[in-house]
Each structure stands twice: as C-alpha cells, then as structure tokens.
Amino acid sequence: MTDTTHFERLGLPRRFRLDAADLERNYLARSREVHPDFTGNDPASLRESAALNEAYATLRDPFRRAEYLLTVEGSPSAADVKQMPAAFLEEMLELRMRIEEVKHAGGGERQDMESAGAADRAGVLTAIRQTLNATKFINGLLRDLREE
C-alpha cells in the first residue's frame, strides 16, 4: 500500500501554488464523504477524517505547504540542512549591527541615524523584493518540471 499525499487526499495537483477555493471546496466535499457523523464511528472513518483534517491544515498554510511539498519531492529535511545563504546571513548581521547603533546613539546622532534609516529601509525592501523574485523564478522552474 502506498501512502496517499495530502495533495492526492484533497484531489489537488502537487504544487505550491493552489487555488484556495478549490482547496476549500475539495476539503468540504471529501469531509462529507469520510466524516464519522455521516459514516458512523468506525475506526477507518475516524482515521480518514483525521488524515483529511491534517491534509487541509497543512495545505492551507503556505509555509507548511512548502515544507510538506519539499518533503514529498524528496528534499532534505530542515534538520538535515540548517544553513542559510551566506549573503542573507551577512545582511542580517549588518542589520542587527545597525539596529544596535540606532538603539545606543544619543540625541541628534540618533535622529541623524534614523533619518539615514530611510535609505537603509529602501535597501532592505529592495533586497526582500530580489529574494521574492528569485523565489518566484524557482517556483516557475519547479512548476515547469512538474508539467513535463
């Protein structure tokens, strides 16, 4: 017997981007099919209902869905790969140092640093946008791989 994925359980394609309405509709339809109130309280129905609820909870949350999809695709787990990109870590270190400077700056120096913070903020927002763009690109590659 093969394990049914959350995607299969809910009749959805195995991909990150899901239509929320399809997810909800499929969950409600399948829950009527397996819910113990409709099928009796037999153990199989209880197990299937619990599995359906877990599938729905996982797939409706984007972060949990991404983690689950990586697992289904055979990716190493978060416990196996704990490192983050070096550039990201360097940027976070710089931001933490900048925050500490602002916290400990006195009087006019603090105001000068806060005013300069607008430029820093713009830089951070740009870096976040670039990361999102890279993520979208990778998602597109994964989508293309699944379509073949």
N, C-alpha and C. Protein backbone atom coordinates (compact mmCIF):
# COMPACT_ATOMS: atom_id res chain seq x y z
N MET A 1 0.84 -1.19 0.00
CA MET A 1 0.00 0.00 0.00
C MET A 1 0.88 1.25 0.00
N THR A 2 0.63 2.17 -0.90
CA THR A 2 1.40 3.41 -0.94
C THR A 2 0.70 4.47 -0.09
N ASP A 3 1.49 5.35 0.46
CA ASP A 3 0.92 6.43 1.25
C ASP A 3 0.29 7.45 0.32
N THR A 4 -0.86 7.93 0.71
CA THR A 4 -1.54 8.97 -0.04
C THR A 4 -1.01 10.32 0.42
N THR A 5 -0.65 11.17 -0.53
CA THR A 5 -0.16 12.50 -0.16
C THR A 5 -1.37 13.38 0.20
N HIS A 6 -1.07 14.46 0.86
CA HIS A 6 -2.12 15.43 1.19
C HIS A 6 -2.77 15.96 -0.09
N PHE A 7 -1.97 16.14 -1.12
CA PHE A 7 -2.49 16.63 -2.39
C PHE A 7 -3.48 15.63 -2.98
N GLU A 8 -3.09 14.37 -3.00
CA GLU A 8 -3.98 13.32 -3.53
C GLU A 8 -5.24 13.22 -2.67
N ARG A 9 -5.08 13.27 -1.38
CA ARG A 9 -6.21 13.14 -0.45
C ARG A 9 -7.26 14.22 -0.73
N LEU A 10 -6.79 15.41 -1.13
CA LEU A 10 -7.70 16.50 -1.41
C LEU A 10 -7.96 16.71 -2.90
N GLY A 11 -7.46 15.80 -3.73
CA GLY A 11 -7.72 15.88 -5.17
C GLY A 11 -7.14 17.12 -5.82
N LEU A 12 -5.94 17.49 -5.39
CA LEU A 12 -5.30 18.70 -5.90
C LEU A 12 -3.97 18.36 -6.55
N PRO A 13 -3.52 19.21 -7.49
CA PRO A 13 -2.21 18.97 -8.10
C PRO A 13 -1.10 19.17 -7.07
N ARG A 14 -0.05 18.45 -7.25
CA ARG A 14 1.10 18.53 -6.33
C ARG A 14 2.00 19.68 -6.76
N ARG A 15 1.69 20.85 -6.21
CA ARG A 15 2.47 22.06 -6.49
C ARG A 15 2.25 23.06 -5.37
N PHE A 16 3.11 24.07 -5.31
CA PHE A 16 3.00 25.05 -4.23
C PHE A 16 1.78 25.93 -4.41
N ARG A 17 1.61 26.47 -5.60
CA ARG A 17 0.51 27.41 -5.83
C ARG A 17 -0.80 26.62 -5.98
N LEU A 18 -1.71 26.84 -5.04
CA LEU A 18 -3.01 26.19 -5.06
C LEU A 18 -4.10 27.24 -5.06
N ASP A 19 -5.21 26.92 -5.67
CA ASP A 19 -6.38 27.79 -5.64
C ASP A 19 -7.09 27.56 -4.30
N ALA A 20 -7.20 28.61 -3.50
CA ALA A 20 -7.80 28.49 -2.16
C ALA A 20 -9.24 28.00 -2.23
N ALA A 21 -9.97 28.44 -3.24
CA ALA A 21 -11.37 28.00 -3.38
C ALA A 21 -11.44 26.51 -3.69
N ASP A 22 -10.55 26.01 -4.54
CA ASP A 22 -10.51 24.57 -4.84
C ASP A 22 -10.15 23.77 -3.60
N LEU A 23 -9.19 24.26 -2.84
CA LEU A 23 -8.78 23.59 -1.62
C LEU A 23 -9.97 23.48 -0.66
N GLU A 24 -10.66 24.57 -0.44
CA GLU A 24 -11.81 24.59 0.47
C GLU A 24 -12.93 23.69 -0.04
N ARG A 25 -13.25 23.80 -1.31
CA ARG A 25 -14.34 23.02 -1.92
C ARG A 25 -14.04 21.52 -1.82
N ASN A 26 -12.82 21.13 -2.16
CA ASN A 26 -12.45 19.71 -2.11
C ASN A 26 -12.44 19.19 -0.67
N TYR A 27 -11.98 20.02 0.24
CA TYR A 27 -11.97 19.60 1.64
C TYR A 27 -13.39 19.36 2.14
N LEU A 28 -14.29 20.29 1.88
CA LEU A 28 -15.67 20.13 2.35
C LEU A 28 -16.35 18.92 1.72
N ALA A 29 -16.14 18.72 0.42
CA ALA A 29 -16.75 17.57 -0.26
C ALA A 29 -16.23 16.26 0.32
N ARG A 30 -14.92 16.16 0.48
CA ARG A 30 -14.34 14.92 1.00
C ARG A 30 -14.65 14.71 2.48
N SER A 31 -14.78 15.81 3.22
CA SER A 31 -15.09 15.64 4.64
C SER A 31 -16.49 15.07 4.82
N ARG A 32 -17.42 15.41 3.92
CA ARG A 32 -18.75 14.81 3.98
C ARG A 32 -18.70 13.32 3.66
N GLU A 33 -17.76 12.94 2.82
CA GLU A 33 -17.65 11.53 2.44
C GLU A 33 -17.08 10.66 3.56
N VAL A 34 -16.20 11.23 4.40
CA VAL A 34 -15.49 10.41 5.39
C VAL A 34 -15.78 10.77 6.84
N HIS A 35 -16.48 11.85 7.08
CA HIS A 35 -16.69 12.30 8.46
C HIS A 35 -17.51 11.26 9.24
N PRO A 36 -17.08 10.93 10.45
CA PRO A 36 -17.77 9.91 11.26
C PRO A 36 -19.26 10.21 11.48
N ASP A 37 -19.66 11.48 11.49
CA ASP A 37 -21.08 11.80 11.66
C ASP A 37 -21.92 11.29 10.49
N PHE A 38 -21.30 11.16 9.33
CA PHE A 38 -22.02 10.70 8.14
C PHE A 38 -21.81 9.22 7.86
N THR A 39 -20.71 8.68 8.34
CA THR A 39 -20.37 7.28 8.00
C THR A 39 -20.45 6.34 9.19
N GLY A 40 -20.76 6.86 10.35
CA GLY A 40 -20.70 6.03 11.55
C GLY A 40 -19.33 6.21 12.18
N ASN A 41 -19.19 5.78 13.39
CA ASN A 41 -17.93 6.00 14.11
C ASN A 41 -16.95 4.84 13.97
N ASP A 42 -16.89 4.26 12.79
CA ASP A 42 -15.95 3.15 12.62
C ASP A 42 -14.52 3.69 12.61
N PRO A 43 -13.57 2.90 13.06
CA PRO A 43 -12.17 3.36 13.17
C PRO A 43 -11.59 3.84 11.84
N ALA A 44 -11.92 3.20 10.73
CA ALA A 44 -11.38 3.62 9.43
C ALA A 44 -11.86 5.03 9.09
N SER A 45 -13.10 5.31 9.37
CA SER A 45 -13.66 6.63 9.10
C SER A 45 -13.00 7.69 9.97
N LEU A 46 -12.76 7.35 11.22
CA LEU A 46 -12.09 8.28 12.13
C LEU A 46 -10.67 8.58 11.64
N ARG A 47 -9.95 7.55 11.21
CA ARG A 47 -8.57 7.74 10.72
C ARG A 47 -8.57 8.59 9.45
N GLU A 48 -9.48 8.28 8.53
CA GLU A 48 -9.53 9.03 7.27
C GLU A 48 -9.92 10.49 7.51
N SER A 49 -10.84 10.72 8.42
CA SER A 49 -11.25 12.08 8.75
C SER A 49 -10.08 12.86 9.36
N ALA A 50 -9.34 12.23 10.26
CA ALA A 50 -8.18 12.88 10.87
C ALA A 50 -7.11 13.18 9.82
N ALA A 51 -6.88 12.24 8.91
CA ALA A 51 -5.88 12.45 7.85
C ALA A 51 -6.31 13.59 6.92
N LEU A 52 -7.60 13.67 6.63
CA LEU A 52 -8.13 14.74 5.79
C LEU A 52 -7.95 16.09 6.47
N ASN A 53 -8.24 16.16 7.77
CA ASN A 53 -8.07 17.40 8.51
C ASN A 53 -6.61 17.84 8.53
N GLU A 54 -5.70 16.88 8.70
CA GLU A 54 -4.26 17.19 8.68
C GLU A 54 -3.84 17.70 7.30
N ALA A 55 -4.33 17.06 6.25
CA ALA A 55 -4.01 17.49 4.88
C ALA A 55 -4.48 18.92 4.65
N TYR A 56 -5.69 19.20 5.07
CA TYR A 56 -6.26 20.54 4.88
C TYR A 56 -5.46 21.59 5.66
N ALA A 57 -5.16 21.30 6.92
CA ALA A 57 -4.40 22.24 7.74
C ALA A 57 -3.02 22.51 7.15
N THR A 58 -2.39 21.49 6.61
CA THR A 58 -1.06 21.63 6.02
C THR A 58 -1.10 22.44 4.73
N LEU A 59 -2.03 22.10 3.85
CA LEU A 59 -2.05 22.74 2.53
C LEU A 59 -2.61 24.16 2.54
N ARG A 60 -3.38 24.52 3.53
CA ARG A 60 -3.93 25.89 3.53
C ARG A 60 -2.93 26.90 4.06
N ASP A 61 -1.88 26.45 4.76
CA ASP A 61 -0.85 27.34 5.27
C ASP A 61 0.33 27.32 4.30
N PRO A 62 0.66 28.45 3.67
CA PRO A 62 1.72 28.45 2.65
C PRO A 62 3.07 27.92 3.13
N PHE A 63 3.47 28.26 4.35
CA PHE A 63 4.76 27.79 4.85
C PHE A 63 4.73 26.28 5.06
N ARG A 64 3.68 25.79 5.71
CA ARG A 64 3.56 24.34 5.94
C ARG A 64 3.44 23.61 4.60
N ARG A 65 2.73 24.21 3.64
CA ARG A 65 2.59 23.59 2.32
C ARG A 65 3.94 23.47 1.64
N ALA A 66 4.76 24.53 1.73
CA ALA A 66 6.09 24.50 1.12
C ALA A 66 6.96 23.43 1.78
N GLU A 67 6.94 23.38 3.11
CA GLU A 67 7.72 22.36 3.83
C GLU A 67 7.26 20.96 3.42
N TYR A 68 5.96 20.75 3.36
CA TYR A 68 5.42 19.44 3.00
C TYR A 68 5.79 19.07 1.57
N LEU A 69 5.65 20.03 0.66
CA LEU A 69 5.97 19.77 -0.75
C LEU A 69 7.43 19.39 -0.90
N LEU A 70 8.31 20.07 -0.18
CA LEU A 70 9.73 19.71 -0.24
C LEU A 70 9.93 18.27 0.24
N THR A 71 9.24 17.89 1.29
CA THR A 71 9.35 16.53 1.81
C THR A 71 8.86 15.51 0.79
N VAL A 72 7.71 15.79 0.19
CA VAL A 72 7.12 14.88 -0.81
C VAL A 72 8.05 14.74 -2.02
N GLU A 73 8.72 15.82 -2.37
CA GLU A 73 9.61 15.81 -3.54
C GLU A 73 10.97 15.18 -3.23
N GLY A 74 11.18 14.79 -1.95
CA GLY A 74 12.42 14.11 -1.60
C GLY A 74 13.54 15.04 -1.15
N SER A 75 13.20 16.25 -0.81
CA SER A 75 14.20 17.22 -0.36
C SER A 75 14.74 16.83 1.01
N PRO A 76 15.98 17.22 1.29
CA PRO A 76 16.47 17.02 2.66
C PRO A 76 15.59 17.80 3.63
N SER A 77 15.48 17.33 4.85
CA SER A 77 14.65 18.00 5.85
C SER A 77 15.35 19.24 6.38
N ALA A 78 14.59 20.07 7.09
CA ALA A 78 15.16 21.26 7.71
C ALA A 78 16.22 20.86 8.74
N ALA A 79 16.04 19.71 9.37
CA ALA A 79 17.02 19.23 10.34
C ALA A 79 18.32 18.82 9.64
N ASP A 80 18.21 18.36 8.38
CA ASP A 80 19.39 17.94 7.62
C ASP A 80 20.15 19.13 7.05
N VAL A 81 19.42 20.17 6.67
CA VAL A 81 20.03 21.36 6.06
C VAL A 81 19.64 22.56 6.89
N LYS A 82 20.54 22.98 7.75
CA LYS A 82 20.24 24.08 8.65
C LYS A 82 20.85 25.40 8.19
N GLN A 83 21.80 25.35 7.29
CA GLN A 83 22.48 26.56 6.89
C GLN A 83 21.59 27.43 6.00
N MET A 84 21.89 28.71 6.04
CA MET A 84 21.21 29.69 5.20
C MET A 84 22.24 30.30 4.27
N PRO A 85 21.78 30.92 3.19
CA PRO A 85 22.74 31.53 2.26
C PRO A 85 23.63 32.55 2.98
N ALA A 86 24.90 32.52 2.67
CA ALA A 86 25.88 33.40 3.33
C ALA A 86 25.51 34.87 3.14
N ALA A 87 25.06 35.24 1.96
CA ALA A 87 24.70 36.65 1.71
C ALA A 87 23.55 37.09 2.62
N PHE A 88 22.60 36.20 2.84
CA PHE A 88 21.48 36.51 3.73
C PHE A 88 21.98 36.71 5.16
N LEU A 89 22.85 35.81 5.62
CA LEU A 89 23.37 35.93 6.98
C LEU A 89 24.19 37.20 7.16
N GLU A 90 24.97 37.55 6.15
CA GLU A 90 25.75 38.78 6.22
C GLU A 90 24.84 40.00 6.31
N GLU A 91 23.79 39.99 5.52
CA GLU A 91 22.84 41.10 5.53
C GLU A 91 22.14 41.21 6.90
N MET A 92 21.77 40.08 7.47
CA MET A 92 21.11 40.09 8.78
C MET A 92 22.07 40.61 9.86
N LEU A 93 23.33 40.23 9.77
CA LEU A 93 24.33 40.71 10.72
C LEU A 93 24.47 42.23 10.60
N GLU A 94 24.54 42.74 9.38
CA GLU A 94 24.64 44.19 9.17
C GLU A 94 23.42 44.90 9.73
N LEU A 95 22.24 44.35 9.51
CA LEU A 95 21.03 44.97 10.03
C LEU A 95 21.01 44.97 11.55
N ARG A 96 21.43 43.87 12.16
CA ARG A 96 21.48 43.82 13.63
C ARG A 96 22.47 44.86 14.18
N MET A 97 23.61 45.00 13.53
CA MET A 97 24.59 45.99 13.98
C MET A 97 24.01 47.40 13.83
N ARG A 98 23.32 47.63 12.74
CA ARG A 98 22.69 48.95 12.50
C ARG A 98 21.63 49.23 13.56
N ILE A 99 20.83 48.24 13.91
CA ILE A 99 19.81 48.40 14.95
C ILE A 99 20.47 48.75 16.27
N GLU A 100 21.54 48.05 16.61
CA GLU A 100 22.25 48.34 17.86
C GLU A 100 22.82 49.76 17.86
N GLU A 101 23.35 50.21 16.73
CA GLU A 101 23.87 51.57 16.64
C GLU A 101 22.76 52.58 16.91
N VAL A 102 21.60 52.37 16.31
CA VAL A 102 20.48 53.29 16.48
C VAL A 102 20.00 53.28 17.93
N LYS A 103 19.93 52.10 18.54
CA LYS A 103 19.48 51.98 19.92
C LYS A 103 20.38 52.73 20.89
N HIS A 104 21.67 52.68 20.63
CA HIS A 104 22.64 53.26 21.57
C HIS A 104 23.09 54.66 21.20
N ALA A 105 22.62 55.19 20.09
CA ALA A 105 23.01 56.54 19.69
C ALA A 105 22.27 57.54 20.58
N GLY A 106 22.91 58.64 20.87
CA GLY A 106 22.28 59.64 21.74
C GLY A 106 21.89 60.88 20.97
N GLY A 107 20.80 61.52 21.39
CA GLY A 107 20.37 62.83 20.90
C GLY A 107 20.33 62.98 19.40
N GLY A 108 21.02 64.02 18.90
CA GLY A 108 20.99 64.35 17.48
C GLY A 108 21.58 63.26 16.62
N GLU A 109 22.59 62.56 17.15
CA GLU A 109 23.20 61.47 16.39
C GLU A 109 22.15 60.40 16.07
N ARG A 110 21.28 60.13 17.06
CA ARG A 110 20.23 59.14 16.85
C ARG A 110 19.28 59.60 15.76
N GLN A 111 18.89 60.88 15.78
CA GLN A 111 17.99 61.40 14.74
C GLN A 111 18.65 61.32 13.37
N ASP A 112 19.94 61.64 13.30
CA ASP A 112 20.65 61.53 12.03
C ASP A 112 20.63 60.10 11.53
N MET A 113 20.85 59.16 12.46
CA MET A 113 20.87 57.75 12.06
C MET A 113 19.47 57.28 11.65
N GLU A 114 18.43 57.78 12.36
CA GLU A 114 17.07 57.39 11.99
C GLU A 114 16.70 57.95 10.64
N SER A 115 17.15 59.19 10.34
CA SER A 115 16.90 59.77 9.03
C SER A 115 17.61 58.96 7.95
N ALA A 116 18.84 58.58 8.25
CA ALA A 116 19.58 57.74 7.30
C ALA A 116 18.92 56.38 7.17
N GLY A 117 18.16 55.98 8.20
CA GLY A 117 17.47 54.69 8.18
C GLY A 117 16.53 54.54 7.01
N ALA A 118 15.99 55.63 6.48
CA ALA A 118 15.08 55.54 5.34
C ALA A 118 15.80 54.94 4.13
N ALA A 119 17.05 55.34 3.93
CA ALA A 119 17.83 54.76 2.83
C ALA A 119 18.11 53.29 3.10
N ASP A 120 18.44 52.97 4.37
CA ASP A 120 18.66 51.57 4.74
C ASP A 120 17.39 50.76 4.50
N ARG A 121 16.26 51.34 4.90
CA ARG A 121 14.97 50.65 4.73
C ARG A 121 14.71 50.36 3.25
N ALA A 122 14.97 51.34 2.41
CA ALA A 122 14.78 51.14 0.98
C ALA A 122 15.68 50.02 0.47
N GLY A 123 16.91 49.97 0.98
CA GLY A 123 17.82 48.91 0.58
C GLY A 123 17.33 47.55 1.03
N VAL A 124 16.81 47.49 2.26
CA VAL A 124 16.28 46.22 2.78
C VAL A 124 15.08 45.79 1.96
N LEU A 125 14.18 46.73 1.67
CA LEU A 125 13.00 46.38 0.88
C LEU A 125 13.38 45.90 -0.52
N THR A 126 14.39 46.52 -1.09
CA THR A 126 14.88 46.07 -2.40
C THR A 126 15.44 44.65 -2.32
N ALA A 127 16.20 44.38 -1.25
CA ALA A 127 16.77 43.04 -1.07
C ALA A 127 15.65 42.00 -0.90
N ILE A 128 14.63 42.35 -0.16
CA ILE A 128 13.50 41.43 0.02
C ILE A 128 12.81 41.18 -1.32
N ARG A 129 12.61 42.23 -2.09
CA ARG A 129 11.99 42.09 -3.42
C ARG A 129 12.82 41.17 -4.29
N GLN A 130 14.14 41.31 -4.25
CA GLN A 130 15.00 40.46 -5.06
C GLN A 130 14.87 39.00 -4.63
N THR A 131 14.77 38.77 -3.32
CA THR A 131 14.60 37.40 -2.82
C THR A 131 13.27 36.83 -3.28
N LEU A 132 12.21 37.65 -3.21
CA LEU A 132 10.90 37.18 -3.69
C LEU A 132 10.95 36.87 -5.19
N ASN A 133 11.64 37.72 -5.94
CA ASN A 133 11.77 37.47 -7.37
C ASN A 133 12.49 36.15 -7.64
N ALA A 134 13.56 35.90 -6.87
CA ALA A 134 14.29 34.64 -7.02
C ALA A 134 13.40 33.46 -6.66
N THR A 135 12.60 33.61 -5.60
CA THR A 135 11.69 32.54 -5.19
C THR A 135 10.66 32.26 -6.29
N LYS A 136 10.12 33.32 -6.87
CA LYS A 136 9.15 33.13 -7.96
C LYS A 136 9.79 32.40 -9.13
N PHE A 137 11.02 32.76 -9.45
CA PHE A 137 11.73 32.12 -10.55
C PHE A 137 11.89 30.62 -10.27
N ILE A 138 12.31 30.28 -9.04
CA ILE A 138 12.49 28.88 -8.67
C ILE A 138 11.14 28.15 -8.71
N ASN A 139 10.08 28.79 -8.21
CA ASN A 139 8.75 28.17 -8.28
C ASN A 139 8.35 27.90 -9.73
N GLY A 140 8.68 28.83 -10.61
CA GLY A 140 8.38 28.61 -12.03
C GLY A 140 9.14 27.42 -12.59
N LEU A 141 10.40 27.28 -12.21
CA LEU A 141 11.18 26.12 -12.66
C LEU A 141 10.57 24.83 -12.13
N LEU A 142 10.19 24.81 -10.86
CA LEU A 142 9.56 23.60 -10.29
C LEU A 142 8.24 23.29 -11.00
N ARG A 143 7.45 24.33 -11.28
CA ARG A 143 6.18 24.13 -12.00
C ARG A 143 6.45 23.52 -13.38
N ASP A 144 7.44 24.06 -14.06
CA ASP A 144 7.77 23.55 -15.39
C ASP A 144 8.22 22.10 -15.33
N LEU A 145 8.97 21.74 -14.29
CA LEU A 145 9.42 20.35 -14.13
C LEU A 145 8.23 19.41 -13.94
N ARG A 146 7.24 19.85 -13.16
CA ARG A 146 6.08 19.00 -12.90
C ARG A 146 5.16 18.87 -14.11
N GLU A 147 5.15 19.88 -14.99
CA GLU A 147 4.27 19.85 -16.14
C GLU A 147 4.76 18.90 -17.23
N GLU A 148 6.02 18.53 -17.20
CA GLU A 148 6.55 17.65 -18.25
C GLU A 148 6.19 16.22 -18.04
